[in-house]
Structures are given as C-alpha cells and as structure tokens.
Amino acid sequence: MYISDRGLARLILSRRGYVAITFGHVIVSTASLGPTLLRHELRHVRQYERIGLAFLPLYLRLLARHGYAAHPLERDAAGDRTLFV
C-alpha cells in the first residue's frame, strides 16, 4: 500500500471524494486505511486478479451505466454480493 500525502494521486482522489484506489496489487491511499476500507480495497485486488487487464475498461463502463452506488464491482467489494469466490 502507498499513502500519498501530495501529488497527482492525492489530487485525483481528494477531488473525487475518495480515500483510496486500487491498481492491480497496488493500493494508493490519502490516509491510513481502517479494517473495513482495507478489506474493500483488497477485494478490488482480487477482482483485478480475476478480470485481468479488462478490469479498468469494465470498471469505467459499469460506472457509466450504473453510477458508483450501484456499481457491481463496488457492491461486491462492499460485501453486498459476491461476484468472485
């Protein structure tokens, strides 16, 4: 995990109202993560492992279609439903 207290990562995350974002096996965060958010981001790591390079285009397509709150990958990461075993 990488905690960014400045720079582009922090700017992007804070402007969007996010604390963390996951790219493959790397979690970039603006602060230390509590257990719930760490578990959420680790779930995204597992999604990346299952989906591979198609993760980002798929994520963006689903975001455009469903928005953040109803996003299937976000709901899976939040534990609302399990897409990947």
Protein backbone atom coordinates (compact mmCIF):
# COMPACT_ATOMS: atom_id res chain seq x y z
CA MET A 1 0.00 0.00 0.00
CA TYR A 2 1.21 3.51 -0.82
CA ILE A 3 -0.02 6.51 1.17
CA SER A 4 0.14 9.72 -0.85
CA ASP A 5 0.16 12.97 1.10
CA ARG A 6 0.71 15.09 -2.02
CA GLY A 7 0.98 14.89 -5.77
CA LEU A 8 -1.30 13.70 -8.54
CA ALA A 9 -2.70 10.65 -6.72
CA ARG A 10 -3.86 12.72 -3.76
CA LEU A 11 -5.28 15.41 -6.04
CA ILE A 12 -7.31 12.90 -8.06
CA LEU A 13 -8.55 11.01 -5.02
CA SER A 14 -9.48 14.06 -2.96
CA ARG A 15 -11.26 15.82 -5.84
CA ARG A 16 -13.42 12.75 -6.36
CA GLY A 17 -14.05 12.38 -2.62
CA TYR A 18 -12.21 9.06 -2.42
CA VAL A 19 -9.69 7.89 0.16
CA ALA A 20 -8.17 5.03 -1.84
CA ILE A 21 -7.91 3.48 -5.28
CA THR A 22 -6.55 0.13 -6.37
CA PHE A 23 -4.44 -0.63 -9.44
CA GLY A 24 -3.70 -4.33 -9.69
CA HIS A 25 -1.85 -5.22 -6.50
CA VAL A 26 -1.17 -1.58 -5.55
CA ILE A 27 -3.49 0.36 -3.24
CA VAL A 28 -2.94 4.13 -3.28
CA SER A 29 -4.45 5.96 -0.33
CA THR A 30 -4.58 9.50 1.04
CA ALA A 31 -4.53 8.18 4.63
CA SER A 32 -4.08 5.01 6.61
CA LEU A 33 -6.93 2.61 5.93
CA GLY A 34 -9.12 1.18 8.62
CA PRO A 35 -10.01 -2.51 8.50
CA THR A 36 -13.27 -2.04 6.57
CA LEU A 37 -11.78 0.07 3.79
CA LEU A 38 -8.66 -2.12 3.62
CA ARG A 39 -10.90 -5.19 3.17
CA HIS A 40 -12.82 -3.29 0.44
CA GLU A 41 -9.63 -2.40 -1.45
CA LEU A 42 -8.24 -5.93 -1.07
CA ARG A 43 -11.46 -7.18 -2.66
CA HIS A 44 -10.66 -4.94 -5.65
CA VAL A 45 -7.21 -6.58 -5.79
CA ARG A 46 -8.95 -9.94 -6.07
CA GLN A 47 -11.25 -8.57 -8.80
CA TYR A 48 -8.17 -7.40 -10.73
CA GLU A 49 -6.69 -10.90 -10.38
CA ARG A 50 -9.84 -12.49 -11.80
CA ILE A 51 -10.61 -9.96 -14.55
CA GLY A 52 -7.06 -9.03 -15.56
CA LEU A 53 -6.32 -6.14 -17.91
CA ALA A 54 -10.02 -5.80 -18.76
CA PHE A 55 -10.69 -4.56 -15.22
CA LEU A 56 -10.26 -0.83 -15.86
CA PRO A 57 -12.33 -0.61 -19.07
CA LEU A 58 -15.00 -2.83 -17.48
CA TYR A 59 -15.00 -0.74 -14.31
CA LEU A 60 -15.41 2.50 -16.27
CA ARG A 61 -18.18 1.04 -18.45
CA LEU A 62 -20.09 -0.18 -15.39
CA LEU A 63 -19.55 3.19 -13.70
CA ALA A 64 -21.10 4.99 -16.67
CA ARG A 65 -24.02 2.57 -16.73
CA HIS A 66 -24.77 2.16 -13.00
CA GLY A 67 -23.05 5.04 -11.19
CA TYR A 68 -20.88 4.46 -8.13
CA ALA A 69 -23.53 3.38 -5.59
CA ALA A 70 -24.99 0.63 -7.79
CA HIS A 71 -21.69 -0.34 -9.45
CA PRO A 72 -21.49 -4.17 -9.39
CA LEU A 73 -17.76 -4.26 -8.61
CA GLU A 74 -18.16 -1.71 -5.81
CA ARG A 75 -21.11 -3.59 -4.37
CA ASP A 76 -19.06 -6.80 -4.48
CA ALA A 77 -16.15 -5.06 -2.74
CA ALA A 78 -18.52 -3.69 -0.11
CA GLY A 79 -19.80 -7.21 0.57
CA ASP A 80 -23.29 -6.52 -0.77
CA ARG A 81 -22.98 -9.50 -3.06
CA THR A 82 -20.25 -11.85 -4.15
CA LEU A 83 -19.26 -11.87 -7.80
CA PHE A 84 -15.99 -13.74 -7.33
CA VAL A 85 -15.36 -16.64 -5.00
